[in-house]
Amino acid sequence: MLKNSSKSNTSTSSALALNKIERANPKIAIIGGSGLEDPKLFKKIKELDIKTPFGLPSDSIRIGEFAGRKVAFLSRHGKTHAIPPHKVNSRANLWALKKLGIERIIGVSAVGSLQKKFKPGDIVICDQFVDFTKKRDYTFYDGETVHVSSADPFCPEMRNLFYKEAVKLKIPIHEKGTHWCIEGPRFSTRAESKFFKNFADIIGMTLVPEVNLARELEICYICLAMVTDYDVWQPHPVSFDELLKTMKANAERIKNLLGIALPQIREKRSCFCKEALKNAKF
């Protein structure tokens, strides 16, 4: 599937590990952190360490049951949140999940707001993004010409499902939102923030290249963005205590939403995500 010369370096022990992985066979993965590290979140947890041609993933992949579904969980920044956003090895993360048999990924992240109506505590189901990162590994295809369409980068089936269930739960939710992804790890200047708000609704540091790589692997991807604060286009400083309080409340909303929506994800996919490479190769 992926053409990369470093594949030949994969060790026999890695191959044996992948045989075990394939037997585990979850189809849904959650990539997150930011309040989702609750050890009680999953039942029957086991951990897998997966070597990839692109290095090691951010952490072990935990497999367990959540809301009656077998799921995989990967901590984007590692369990101790030691990996900064510009150093997340997204290629290793996504490659490992693909080898696991993952077909759908729910990416959860904390973001700042660029618009008044996107309030702290709200959840945004992103439908578009703007890439303002600078030096990341954006593709698996360094040795051949592949142009994957990103016109609609997020899975429409999962976006519709999660929005519908969030409304039922009376979670403050936005059905659409444009995510502006910056390099990090620094936050924006006020001038940058005022510029960004002309084109986007929320701002974060980890969506790209995670979403790009999922599309190249024909994996359905959705971003559940948790608004924690207003970015610095607003003159008012953010209280760290208020930020932590908002993050905790957001994490509880996400857990509740996952508990309701995960059991309703269909086994068979009918979206365009599963055929993303159909007309992408020359």
C-alpha atoms as a PDB file:
ATOM      1  CA  MET A   1       0.000   0.000   0.000  1.00  0.00           C
ATOM      2  CA  LEU A   2       2.660   2.520   1.027  1.00  0.00           C
ATOM      3  CA  LYS A   3       5.881   2.766  -0.921  1.00  0.00           C
ATOM      4  CA  ASN A   4       8.782   3.695   1.287  1.00  0.00           C
ATOM      5  CA  SER A   5      12.318   2.376   1.098  1.00  0.00           C
ATOM      6  CA  SER A   6      12.626   2.232   4.890  1.00  0.00           C
ATOM      7  CA  LYS A   7      10.031  -0.534   5.037  1.00  0.00           C
ATOM      8  CA  SER A   8      12.771  -3.075   4.355  1.00  0.00           C
ATOM      9  CA  ASN A   9      14.323  -2.216   7.710  1.00  0.00           C
ATOM     10  CA  THR A  10      11.280  -3.437   9.636  1.00  0.00           C
ATOM     11  CA  SER A  11      12.504  -6.145  11.996  1.00  0.00           C
ATOM     12  CA  THR A  12      11.188  -9.703  12.394  1.00  0.00           C
ATOM     13  CA  SER A  13      10.046  -8.809  15.911  1.00  0.00           C
ATOM     14  CA  SER A  14       7.990  -5.951  14.467  1.00  0.00           C
ATOM     15  CA  ALA A  15       6.368  -8.343  12.000  1.00  0.00           C
ATOM     16  CA  LEU A  16       5.460 -10.718  14.824  1.00  0.00           C
ATOM     17  CA  ALA A  17       3.996  -7.806  16.754  1.00  0.00           C
ATOM     18  CA  LEU A  18       1.888  -6.818  13.769  1.00  0.00           C
ATOM     19  CA  ASN A  19       0.495 -10.359  13.526  1.00  0.00           C
ATOM     20  CA  LYS A  20      -0.759  -9.965  17.068  1.00  0.00           C
ATOM     21  CA  ILE A  21      -2.135  -6.524  16.222  1.00  0.00           C
ATOM     22  CA  GLU A  22      -4.151  -7.824  13.298  1.00  0.00           C
ATOM     23  CA  ARG A  23      -5.878 -10.332  15.566  1.00  0.00           C
ATOM     24  CA  ALA A  24      -6.937  -7.504  17.879  1.00  0.00           C
ATOM     25  CA  ASN A  25      -8.659  -5.823  14.950  1.00  0.00           C
ATOM     26  CA  PRO A  26     -10.462  -2.761  16.314  1.00  0.00           C
ATOM     27  CA  LYS A  27     -11.912  -0.546  13.562  1.00  0.00           C
ATOM     28  CA  ILE A  28     -12.270   2.723  15.487  1.00  0.00           C
ATOM     29  CA  ALA A  29      -9.512   4.809  17.070  1.00  0.00           C
ATOM     30  CA  ILE A  30      -9.481   7.897  19.256  1.00  0.00           C
ATOM     31  CA  ILE A  31      -6.465  10.192  19.110  1.00  0.00           C
ATOM     32  CA  GLY A  32      -6.488  12.613  21.983  1.00  0.00           C
ATOM     33  CA  GLY A  33      -5.281  13.707  25.350  1.00  0.00           C
ATOM     34  CA  SER A  34      -6.496  16.938  26.961  1.00  0.00           C
ATOM     35  CA  GLY A  35      -8.617  15.234  29.624  1.00  0.00           C
ATOM     36  CA  LEU A  36      -9.176  11.874  27.937  1.00  0.00           C
ATOM     37  CA  GLU A  37      -6.416  10.074  29.856  1.00  0.00           C
ATOM     38  CA  ASP A  38      -8.890   8.705  32.398  1.00  0.00           C
ATOM     39  CA  PRO A  39      -7.837   5.081  33.112  1.00  0.00           C
ATOM     40  CA  LYS A  40     -11.481   4.240  33.815  1.00  0.00           C
ATOM     41  CA  LEU A  41     -12.536   5.288  30.319  1.00  0.00           C
ATOM     42  CA  PHE A  42     -11.875   1.872  28.769  1.00  0.00           C
ATOM     43  CA  LYS A  43     -12.597  -1.692  29.881  1.00  0.00           C
ATOM     44  CA  LYS A  44     -10.324  -4.693  29.232  1.00  0.00           C
ATOM     45  CA  ILE A  45      -7.382  -2.533  28.269  1.00  0.00           C
ATOM     46  CA  LYS A  46      -4.221  -3.954  26.763  1.00  0.00           C
ATOM     47  CA  GLU A  47      -1.327  -1.997  25.314  1.00  0.00           C
ATOM     48  CA  LEU A  48       0.597  -2.523  22.074  1.00  0.00           C
ATOM     49  CA  ASP A  49       3.965  -1.045  21.180  1.00  0.00           C
ATOM     50  CA  ILE A  50       4.236  -0.753  17.408  1.00  0.00           C
ATOM     51  CA  LYS A  51       7.386  -0.014  15.441  1.00  0.00           C
ATOM     52  CA  THR A  52       6.885   1.704  12.101  1.00  0.00           C
ATOM     53  CA  PRO A  53       9.092   2.698   9.146  1.00  0.00           C
ATOM     54  CA  PHE A  54       8.651   6.277  10.354  1.00  0.00           C
ATOM     55  CA  GLY A  55       9.802   5.750  13.916  1.00  0.00           C
ATOM     56  CA  LEU A  56       7.802   5.192  17.071  1.00  0.00           C
ATOM     57  CA  PRO A  57       4.266   6.481  17.657  1.00  0.00           C
ATOM     58  CA  SER A  58       3.661   9.011  20.403  1.00  0.00           C
ATOM     59  CA  ASP A  59       2.852   6.227  22.856  1.00  0.00           C
ATOM     60  CA  SER A  60       1.611   2.687  23.222  1.00  0.00           C
ATOM     61  CA  ILE A  61      -1.758   2.065  21.621  1.00  0.00           C
ATOM     62  CA  ARG A  62      -4.354   0.983  24.147  1.00  0.00           C
ATOM     63  CA  ILE A  63      -7.098  -1.352  23.024  1.00  0.00           C
ATOM     64  CA  GLY A  64     -10.246  -1.876  25.009  1.00  0.00           C
ATOM     65  CA  GLU A  65     -14.009  -1.585  25.077  1.00  0.00           C
ATOM     66  CA  PHE A  66     -15.855   1.691  25.318  1.00  0.00           C
ATOM     67  CA  ALA A  67     -19.632   1.961  25.044  1.00  0.00           C
ATOM     68  CA  GLY A  68     -19.749  -1.620  23.834  1.00  0.00           C
ATOM     69  CA  ARG A  69     -17.343  -1.066  20.931  1.00  0.00           C
ATOM     70  CA  LYS A  70     -13.771  -2.245  20.589  1.00  0.00           C
ATOM     71  CA  VAL A  71     -11.632   0.858  20.205  1.00  0.00           C
ATOM     72  CA  ALA A  72      -7.999   1.898  20.117  1.00  0.00           C
ATOM     73  CA  PHE A  73      -6.719   4.959  21.947  1.00  0.00           C
ATOM     74  CA  LEU A  74      -3.511   6.827  21.165  1.00  0.00           C
ATOM     75  CA  SER A  75      -2.284   9.731  23.243  1.00  0.00           C
ATOM     76  CA  ARG A  76      -1.123  12.344  20.735  1.00  0.00           C
ATOM     77  CA  HIS A  77       1.366  13.989  23.107  1.00  0.00           C
ATOM     78  CA  GLY A  78       2.214  10.859  25.111  1.00  0.00           C
ATOM     79  CA  LYS A  79       0.773   9.900  28.480  1.00  0.00           C
ATOM     80  CA  THR A  80       2.772  12.585  30.274  1.00  0.00           C
ATOM     81  CA  HIS A  81       2.062  15.202  27.591  1.00  0.00           C
ATOM     82  CA  ALA A  82       5.800  15.497  26.948  1.00  0.00           C
ATOM     83  CA  ILE A  83       5.673  15.758  23.142  1.00  0.00           C
ATOM     84  CA  PRO A  84       5.122  19.337  21.891  1.00  0.00           C
ATOM     85  CA  PRO A  85       2.752  19.831  18.938  1.00  0.00           C
ATOM     86  CA  HIS A  86       5.489  20.468  16.370  1.00  0.00           C
ATOM     87  CA  LYS A  87       7.247  17.220  17.352  1.00  0.00           C
ATOM     88  CA  VAL A  88       4.279  14.821  17.199  1.00  0.00           C
ATOM     89  CA  ASN A  89       5.232  11.954  14.861  1.00  0.00           C
ATOM     90  CA  SER A  90       1.957  11.864  12.966  1.00  0.00           C
ATOM     91  CA  ARG A  91       3.233   9.542  10.240  1.00  0.00           C
ATOM     92  CA  ALA A  92       4.161   6.908  12.802  1.00  0.00           C
ATOM     93  CA  ASN A  93       0.860   7.420  14.644  1.00  0.00           C
ATOM     94  CA  LEU A  94      -1.291   7.014  11.549  1.00  0.00           C
ATOM     95  CA  TRP A  95       0.762   4.184  10.045  1.00  0.00           C
ATOM     96  CA  ALA A  96       0.492   2.212  13.288  1.00  0.00           C
ATOM     97  CA  LEU A  97      -3.280   2.696  13.415  1.00  0.00           C
ATOM     98  CA  LYS A  98      -3.650   1.607   9.799  1.00  0.00           C
ATOM     99  CA  LYS A  99      -1.676  -1.576  10.528  1.00  0.00           C
ATOM    100  CA  LEU A 100      -3.997  -2.132  13.439  1.00  0.00           C
ATOM    101  CA  GLY A 101      -6.902  -2.249  10.975  1.00  0.00           C
ATOM    102  CA  ILE A 102      -8.379   1.133  11.902  1.00  0.00           C
ATOM    103  CA  GLU A 103     -10.967   2.500   9.462  1.00  0.00           C
ATOM    104  CA  ARG A 104     -12.223   5.495  11.453  1.00  0.00           C
ATOM    105  CA  ILE A 105     -10.372   8.021  13.613  1.00  0.00           C
ATOM    106  CA  ILE A 106     -11.895  10.497  16.044  1.00  0.00           C
ATOM    107  CA  GLY A 107      -9.363  13.234  16.702  1.00  0.00           C
ATOM    108  CA  VAL A 108      -9.953  15.250  19.875  1.00  0.00           C
ATOM    109  CA  SER A 109      -8.050  18.459  20.544  1.00  0.00           C
ATOM    110  CA  ALA A 110      -8.170  21.698  22.515  1.00  0.00           C
ATOM    111  CA  VAL A 111      -8.434  24.926  20.502  1.00  0.00           C
ATOM    112  CA  GLY A 112      -8.738  28.666  20.927  1.00  0.00           C
ATOM    113  CA  SER A 113     -11.636  30.673  19.528  1.00  0.00           C
ATOM    114  CA  LEU A 114     -11.285  33.271  16.785  1.00  0.00           C
ATOM    115  CA  GLN A 115     -14.966  34.285  16.815  1.00  0.00           C
ATOM    116  CA  LYS A 116     -17.269  35.511  19.589  1.00  0.00           C
ATOM    117  CA  LYS A 117     -19.938  32.927  18.829  1.00  0.00           C
ATOM    118  CA  PHE A 118     -17.447  30.081  19.342  1.00  0.00           C
ATOM    119  CA  LYS A 119     -17.412  30.255  23.114  1.00  0.00           C
ATOM    120  CA  PRO A 120     -15.197  28.535  25.695  1.00  0.00           C
ATOM    121  CA  GLY A 121     -16.886  25.252  26.536  1.00  0.00           C
ATOM    122  CA  ASP A 122     -18.262  24.751  23.029  1.00  0.00           C
ATOM    123  CA  ILE A 123     -17.437  21.750  20.847  1.00  0.00           C
ATOM    124  CA  VAL A 124     -16.740  22.282  17.141  1.00  0.00           C
ATOM    125  CA  ILE A 125     -17.173  19.564  14.518  1.00  0.00           C
ATOM    126  CA  CYS A 126     -14.732  20.952  11.975  1.00  0.00           C
ATOM    127  CA  ASP A 127     -15.628  20.888   8.287  1.00  0.00           C
ATOM    128  CA  GLN A 128     -12.625  22.809   6.887  1.00  0.00           C
ATOM    129  CA  PHE A 129      -9.082  23.739   7.834  1.00  0.00           C
ATOM    130  CA  VAL A 130      -6.331  26.155   6.821  1.00  0.00           C
ATOM    131  CA  ASP A 131      -2.768  24.866   7.102  1.00  0.00           C
ATOM    132  CA  PHE A 132      -0.339  27.472   8.447  1.00  0.00           C
ATOM    133  CA  THR A 133       2.288  24.989   9.642  1.00  0.00           C
ATOM    134  CA  LYS A 134       5.809  25.132   8.220  1.00  0.00           C
ATOM    135  CA  LYS A 135       8.039  22.095   8.645  1.00  0.00           C
ATOM    136  CA  ARG A 136       6.088  18.904   9.205  1.00  0.00           C
ATOM    137  CA  ASP A 137       5.983  15.584   7.361  1.00  0.00           C
ATOM    138  CA  TYR A 138       2.749  15.933   5.426  1.00  0.00           C
ATOM    139  CA  THR A 139       2.622  12.782   3.294  1.00  0.00           C
ATOM    140  CA  PHE A 140       3.524   9.115   3.079  1.00  0.00           C
ATOM    141  CA  TYR A 141       4.287   9.512  -0.622  1.00  0.00           C
ATOM    142  CA  ASP A 142       7.771  10.962  -0.906  1.00  0.00           C
ATOM    143  CA  GLY A 143       8.777   8.551  -3.667  1.00  0.00           C
ATOM    144  CA  GLU A 144       5.829   8.781  -6.062  1.00  0.00           C
ATOM    145  CA  THR A 145       3.322  11.330  -7.318  1.00  0.00           C
ATOM    146  CA  VAL A 146       0.047  11.159  -5.400  1.00  0.00           C
ATOM    147  CA  HIS A 147      -2.400  14.071  -5.144  1.00  0.00           C
ATOM    148  CA  VAL A 148      -5.195  13.329  -2.680  1.00  0.00           C
ATOM    149  CA  SER A 149      -8.262  15.560  -2.733  1.00  0.00           C
ATOM    150  CA  SER A 150      -8.755  17.581   0.446  1.00  0.00           C
ATOM    151  CA  ALA A 151     -11.725  19.632  -0.737  1.00  0.00           C
ATOM    152  CA  ASP A 152     -13.826  18.103   2.037  1.00  0.00           C
ATOM    153  CA  PRO A 153     -11.226  16.783   4.463  1.00  0.00           C
ATOM    154  CA  PHE A 154     -13.492  15.325   7.155  1.00  0.00           C
ATOM    155  CA  CYS A 155     -15.777  12.293   7.019  1.00  0.00           C
ATOM    156  CA  PRO A 156     -19.359  13.470   6.351  1.00  0.00           C
ATOM    157  CA  GLU A 157     -20.949  10.365   7.884  1.00  0.00           C
ATOM    158  CA  MET A 158     -19.235  10.765  11.241  1.00  0.00           C
ATOM    159  CA  ARG A 159     -19.695  14.540  11.270  1.00  0.00           C
ATOM    160  CA  ASN A 160     -23.455  14.135  10.806  1.00  0.00           C
ATOM    161  CA  LEU A 161     -23.702  11.404  13.440  1.00  0.00           C
ATOM    162  CA  PHE A 162     -21.745  13.250  16.134  1.00  0.00           C
ATOM    163  CA  TYR A 163     -23.571  16.516  15.540  1.00  0.00           C
ATOM    164  CA  LYS A 164     -26.993  14.844  15.756  1.00  0.00           C
ATOM    165  CA  GLU A 165     -26.126  13.075  19.003  1.00  0.00           C
ATOM    166  CA  ALA A 166     -24.524  16.185  20.532  1.00  0.00           C
ATOM    167  CA  VAL A 167     -27.738  18.125  19.923  1.00  0.00           C
ATOM    168  CA  LYS A 168     -29.713  15.395  21.709  1.00  0.00           C
ATOM    169  CA  LEU A 169     -27.347  15.662  24.676  1.00  0.00           C
ATOM    170  CA  LYS A 170     -27.755  19.470  24.651  1.00  0.00           C
ATOM    171  CA  ILE A 171     -24.008  19.910  24.309  1.00  0.00           C
ATOM    172  CA  PRO A 172     -23.037  23.390  23.028  1.00  0.00           C
ATOM    173  CA  ILE A 173     -22.021  22.294  19.552  1.00  0.00           C
ATOM    174  CA  HIS A 174     -21.135  23.866  16.204  1.00  0.00           C
ATOM    175  CA  GLU A 175     -21.990  21.760  13.155  1.00  0.00           C
ATOM    176  CA  LYS A 176     -19.300  23.506  11.106  1.00  0.00           C
ATOM    177  CA  GLY A 177     -16.095  25.385  11.773  1.00  0.00           C
ATOM    178  CA  THR A 178     -12.869  26.250   9.991  1.00  0.00           C
ATOM    179  CA  HIS A 179      -9.761  25.246  11.926  1.00  0.00           C
ATOM    180  CA  TRP A 180      -6.606  27.345  11.463  1.00  0.00           C
ATOM    181  CA  CYS A 181      -3.606  25.147  12.265  1.00  0.00           C
ATOM    182  CA  ILE A 182      -0.349  26.866  13.243  1.00  0.00           C
ATOM    183  CA  GLU A 183       3.120  25.425  13.785  1.00  0.00           C
ATOM    184  CA  GLY A 184       3.512  26.136  17.471  1.00  0.00           C
ATOM    185  CA  PRO A 185       4.675  25.650  20.094  1.00  0.00           C
ATOM    186  CA  ARG A 186       4.309  29.390  20.674  1.00  0.00           C
ATOM    187  CA  PHE A 187       0.895  31.036  20.663  1.00  0.00           C
ATOM    188  CA  SER A 188      -0.101  33.746  18.183  1.00  0.00           C
ATOM    189  CA  THR A 189       0.771  37.403  18.406  1.00  0.00           C
ATOM    190  CA  ARG A 190      -2.195  39.758  18.579  1.00  0.00           C
ATOM    191  CA  ALA A 191      -1.542  40.870  15.003  1.00  0.00           C
ATOM    192  CA  GLU A 192      -1.520  37.262  13.783  1.00  0.00           C
ATOM    193  CA  SER A 193      -4.669  36.434  15.701  1.00  0.00           C
ATOM    194  CA  LYS A 194      -6.540  39.386  14.179  1.00  0.00           C
ATOM    195  CA  PHE A 195      -5.394  38.226  10.742  1.00  0.00           C
ATOM    196  CA  PHE A 196      -6.409  34.600  11.338  1.00  0.00           C
ATOM    197  CA  LYS A 197      -9.920  35.540  12.484  1.00  0.00           C
ATOM    198  CA  ASN A 198     -10.685  36.897   9.012  1.00  0.00           C
ATOM    199  CA  PHE A 199     -10.535  33.372   7.632  1.00  0.00           C
ATOM    200  CA  ALA A 200     -11.203  30.863  10.406  1.00  0.00           C
ATOM    201  CA  ASP A 201     -13.285  30.138  13.515  1.00  0.00           C
ATOM    202  CA  ILE A 202     -10.862  28.271  15.788  1.00  0.00           C
ATOM    203  CA  ILE A 203      -7.096  27.854  16.095  1.00  0.00           C
ATOM    204  CA  GLY A 204      -4.917  24.922  17.140  1.00  0.00           C
ATOM    205  CA  MET A 205      -1.587  23.183  16.545  1.00  0.00           C
ATOM    206  CA  THR A 206      -2.149  19.465  15.957  1.00  0.00           C
ATOM    207  CA  LEU A 207      -4.773  18.910  13.252  1.00  0.00           C
ATOM    208  CA  VAL A 208      -2.215  19.035  10.425  1.00  0.00           C
ATOM    209  CA  PRO A 209      -0.815  16.666   9.202  1.00  0.00           C
ATOM    210  CA  GLU A 210      -2.969  14.178  11.125  1.00  0.00           C
ATOM    211  CA  VAL A 211      -6.013  14.814   8.935  1.00  0.00           C
ATOM    212  CA  ASN A 212      -3.954  14.769   5.709  1.00  0.00           C
ATOM    213  CA  LEU A 213      -2.343  11.436   6.505  1.00  0.00           C
ATOM    214  CA  ALA A 214      -5.665   9.843   7.432  1.00  0.00           C
ATOM    215  CA  ARG A 215      -7.024  10.767   4.011  1.00  0.00           C
ATOM    216  CA  GLU A 216      -3.963   9.234   2.286  1.00  0.00           C
ATOM    217  CA  LEU A 217      -4.619   6.011   4.181  1.00  0.00           C
ATOM    218  CA  GLU A 218      -8.330   6.104   3.240  1.00  0.00           C
ATOM    219  CA  ILE A 219      -9.279   6.346   6.915  1.00  0.00           C
ATOM    220  CA  CYS A 220     -12.387   8.310   7.888  1.00  0.00           C
ATOM    221  CA  TYR A 221     -11.411  11.220  10.121  1.00  0.00           C
ATOM    222  CA  ILE A 222     -13.365  13.639  12.286  1.00  0.00           C
ATOM    223  CA  CYS A 223     -12.081  16.455  14.490  1.00  0.00           C
ATOM    224  CA  LEU A 224     -13.898  17.192  17.741  1.00  0.00           C
ATOM    225  CA  ALA A 225     -12.372  20.508  18.766  1.00  0.00           C
ATOM    226  CA  MET A 226     -12.871  21.655  22.360  1.00  0.00           C
ATOM    227  CA  VAL A 227     -12.860  25.445  22.718  1.00  0.00           C
ATOM    228  CA  THR A 228     -10.956  26.369  25.875  1.00  0.00           C
ATOM    229  CA  ASP A 229     -10.520  30.137  25.511  1.00  0.00           C
ATOM    230  CA  TYR A 230     -10.560  33.109  23.149  1.00  0.00           C
ATOM    231  CA  ASP A 231      -7.351  33.639  21.220  1.00  0.00           C
ATOM    232  CA  VAL A 232      -5.440  36.903  21.760  1.00  0.00           C
ATOM    233  CA  TRP A 233      -7.477  38.956  19.272  1.00  0.00           C
ATOM    234  CA  GLN A 234      -9.547  39.489  22.409  1.00  0.00           C
ATOM    235  CA  PRO A 235      -7.891  42.020  24.770  1.00  0.00           C
ATOM    236  CA  HIS A 236      -8.824  40.167  27.939  1.00  0.00           C
ATOM    237  CA  PRO A 237      -6.201  37.828  29.466  1.00  0.00           C
ATOM    238  CA  VAL A 238      -7.129  34.208  30.086  1.00  0.00           C
ATOM    239  CA  SER A 239      -7.088  32.870  33.636  1.00  0.00           C
ATOM    240  CA  PHE A 240      -5.203  29.559  33.856  1.00  0.00           C
ATOM    241  CA  ASP A 241      -7.664  28.307  36.487  1.00  0.00           C
ATOM    242  CA  GLU A 242     -10.590  29.106  34.192  1.00  0.00           C
ATOM    243  CA  LEU A 243      -8.791  27.373  31.333  1.00  0.00           C
ATOM    244  CA  LEU A 244      -8.354  24.168  33.339  1.00  0.00           C
ATOM    245  CA  LYS A 245     -11.975  24.310  34.480  1.00  0.00           C
ATOM    246  CA  THR A 246     -13.171  24.661  30.877  1.00  0.00           C
ATOM    247  CA  MET A 247     -10.921  21.827  29.674  1.00  0.00           C
ATOM    248  CA  LYS A 248     -12.298  19.510  32.358  1.00  0.00           C
ATOM    249  CA  ALA A 249     -15.905  20.348  31.440  1.00  0.00           C
ATOM    250  CA  ASN A 250     -15.130  19.873  27.741  1.00  0.00           C
ATOM    251  CA  ALA A 251     -13.538  16.485  28.374  1.00  0.00           C
ATOM    252  CA  GLU A 252     -16.674  15.314  30.213  1.00  0.00           C
ATOM    253  CA  ARG A 253     -18.843  16.454  27.294  1.00  0.00           C
ATOM    254  CA  ILE A 254     -16.623  14.588  24.842  1.00  0.00           C
ATOM    255  CA  LYS A 255     -16.788  11.403  26.939  1.00  0.00           C
ATOM    256  CA  ASN A 256     -20.591  11.611  27.067  1.00  0.00           C
ATOM    257  CA  LEU A 257     -20.769  12.216  23.325  1.00  0.00           C
ATOM    258  CA  LEU A 258     -18.453   9.305  22.560  1.00  0.00           C
ATOM    259  CA  GLY A 259     -20.536   7.055  24.790  1.00  0.00           C
ATOM    260  CA  ILE A 260     -23.670   7.807  22.775  1.00  0.00           C
ATOM    261  CA  ALA A 261     -22.229   8.087  19.262  1.00  0.00           C
ATOM    262  CA  LEU A 262     -19.701   5.233  19.147  1.00  0.00           C
ATOM    263  CA  PRO A 263     -22.307   2.425  19.328  1.00  0.00           C
ATOM    264  CA  GLN A 264     -24.111   3.984  16.350  1.00  0.00           C
ATOM    265  CA  ILE A 265     -21.156   3.992  13.963  1.00  0.00           C
ATOM    266  CA  ARG A 266     -21.973   1.556  11.194  1.00  0.00           C
ATOM    267  CA  GLU A 267     -19.678  -1.365  10.468  1.00  0.00           C
ATOM    268  CA  LYS A 268     -19.791  -0.742   6.717  1.00  0.00           C
ATOM    269  CA  ARG A 269     -18.593   2.575   5.329  1.00  0.00           C
ATOM    270  CA  SER A 270     -20.425   4.287   2.471  1.00  0.00           C
ATOM    271  CA  CYS A 271     -18.526   7.601   2.459  1.00  0.00           C
ATOM    272  CA  PHE A 272     -15.936   8.741  -0.079  1.00  0.00           C
ATOM    273  CA  CYS A 273     -13.092   8.474   2.480  1.00  0.00           C
ATOM    274  CA  LYS A 274     -12.565   4.780   1.717  1.00  0.00           C
ATOM    275  CA  GLU A 275     -11.776   5.569  -1.940  1.00  0.00           C
ATOM    276  CA  ALA A 276      -9.557   8.623  -1.471  1.00  0.00           C
ATOM    277  CA  LEU A 277      -6.727   7.162  -3.560  1.00  0.00           C
ATOM    278  CA  LYS A 278      -8.948   6.073  -6.443  1.00  0.00           C
ATOM    279  CA  ASN A 279      -8.050   8.994  -8.731  1.00  0.00           C
ATOM    280  CA  ALA A 280      -5.078  10.343  -6.794  1.00  0.00           C
ATOM    281  CA  LYS A 281      -2.188   8.428  -8.393  1.00  0.00           C
ATOM    282  CA  PHE A 282      -0.521   9.137 -11.719  1.00  0.00           C
END
